C-alpha atoms as a PDB file:
ATOM      1  CA  LEU A   1      15.026 -17.180 -35.114  1.00  0.00           C
ATOM      2  CA  VAL A   2      12.024 -17.238 -37.451  1.00  0.00           C
ATOM      3  CA  GLU A   3      10.103 -19.288 -34.914  1.00  0.00           C
ATOM      4  CA  ASN A   4      10.718 -16.649 -32.229  1.00  0.00           C
ATOM      5  CA  ILE A   5       9.641 -13.849 -34.544  1.00  0.00           C
ATOM      6  CA  LEU A   6       6.446 -15.679 -35.436  1.00  0.00           C
ATOM      7  CA  ARG A   7       5.704 -16.503 -31.804  1.00  0.00           C
ATOM      8  CA  ASP A   8       6.197 -12.855 -30.793  1.00  0.00           C
ATOM      9  CA  TRP A   9       4.045 -11.654 -33.678  1.00  0.00           C
ATOM     10  CA  HIS A  10       1.289 -14.103 -32.765  1.00  0.00           C
ATOM     11  CA  ARG A  11       1.386 -13.034 -29.111  1.00  0.00           C
ATOM     12  CA  GLU A  12       1.152  -9.358 -30.107  1.00  0.00           C
ATOM     13  CA  GLN A  13      -1.813 -10.126 -32.352  1.00  0.00           C
ATOM     14  CA  LYS A  14      -3.601 -11.889 -29.502  1.00  0.00           C
ATOM     15  CA  VAL A  15      -2.959  -8.950 -27.163  1.00  0.00           C
ATOM     16  CA  ARG A  16      -4.320  -6.517 -29.754  1.00  0.00           C
ATOM     17  CA  GLU A  17      -7.356  -8.717 -30.286  1.00  0.00           C
ATOM     18  CA  VAL A  18      -8.151  -8.807 -26.571  1.00  0.00           C
ATOM     19  CA  GLU A  19      -7.601  -5.054 -26.244  1.00  0.00           C
ATOM     20  CA  ASN A  20      -9.939  -4.463 -29.180  1.00  0.00           C
ATOM     21  CA  GLN A  21     -12.600  -6.713 -27.646  1.00  0.00           C
ATOM     22  CA  ILE A  22     -12.362  -4.837 -24.354  1.00  0.00           C
ATOM     23  CA  GLU A  23     -12.646  -1.514 -26.156  1.00  0.00           C
ATOM     24  CA  GLN A  24     -15.671  -2.705 -28.125  1.00  0.00           C
ATOM     25  CA  TYR A  25     -17.304  -3.939 -24.931  1.00  0.00           C
ATOM     26  CA  TYR A  26     -16.952  -0.590 -23.190  1.00  0.00           C
ATOM     27  CA  LEU A  27     -18.077   1.316 -26.282  1.00  0.00           C
ATOM     28  CA  SER A  28     -21.211  -0.834 -26.432  1.00  0.00           C
ATOM     29  CA  LEU A  29     -22.344  -0.044 -22.881  1.00  0.00           C
ATOM     30  CA  SER A  30     -25.463   2.032 -22.373  1.00  0.00           C
ATOM     31  CA  ASN A  31     -25.259   5.169 -20.237  1.00  0.00           C
ATOM     32  CA  ASP A  32     -26.849   3.290 -17.328  1.00  0.00           C
ATOM     33  CA  GLU A  33     -24.285   0.503 -17.649  1.00  0.00           C
ATOM     34  CA  LYS A  34     -21.455   3.057 -17.771  1.00  0.00           C
ATOM     35  CA  ASP A  35     -22.800   4.693 -14.607  1.00  0.00           C
ATOM     36  CA  GLU A  36     -22.980   1.313 -12.881  1.00  0.00           C
ATOM     37  CA  ASP A  37     -19.417   0.534 -13.972  1.00  0.00           C
ATOM     38  CA  ARG A  38     -18.226   3.858 -12.530  1.00  0.00           C
ATOM     39  CA  GLN A  39     -19.969   3.074  -9.239  1.00  0.00           C
ATOM     40  CA  TRP A  40     -18.341  -0.366  -9.025  1.00  0.00           C
ATOM     41  CA  THR A  41     -14.968   1.186  -9.851  1.00  0.00           C
ATOM     42  CA  LYS A  42     -15.421   3.706  -7.045  1.00  0.00           C
ATOM     43  CA  ILE A  43     -16.380   0.955  -4.578  1.00  0.00           C
ATOM     44  CA  ALA A  44     -13.395  -1.177  -5.589  1.00  0.00           C
ATOM     45  CA  THR A  45     -11.032   1.790  -5.285  1.00  0.00           C
ATOM     46  CA  GLU A  46     -12.293   2.668  -1.815  1.00  0.00           C
ATOM     47  CA  SER A  47     -12.086  -0.969  -0.707  1.00  0.00           C
ATOM     48  CA  SER A  48      -8.529  -1.356  -1.944  1.00  0.00           C
ATOM     49  CA  LYS A  49      -7.485   1.844  -0.160  1.00  0.00           C
ATOM     50  CA  ARG A  50      -8.858   0.463   3.104  1.00  0.00           C
ATOM     51  CA  LEU A  51      -6.948  -2.771   2.579  1.00  0.00           C
ATOM     52  CA  TRP A  52      -3.660  -0.916   2.215  1.00  0.00           C
ATOM     53  CA  GLU A  53      -4.340   1.335   5.195  1.00  0.00           C
ATOM     54  CA  GLU A  54      -4.854  -1.568   7.601  1.00  0.00           C
END
């Protein structure tokens, strides 16, 4: 029982840590990098739509 609680707690901490790192990464981007990221997101979205339409 205690082992399961500790394992779950540890897993949640790792998830929070990764989420925080991702947030910090995106907050650190310059405006140019944010624009580039938006462009890549748009390209990926359009590509995935075409995949599903085929």
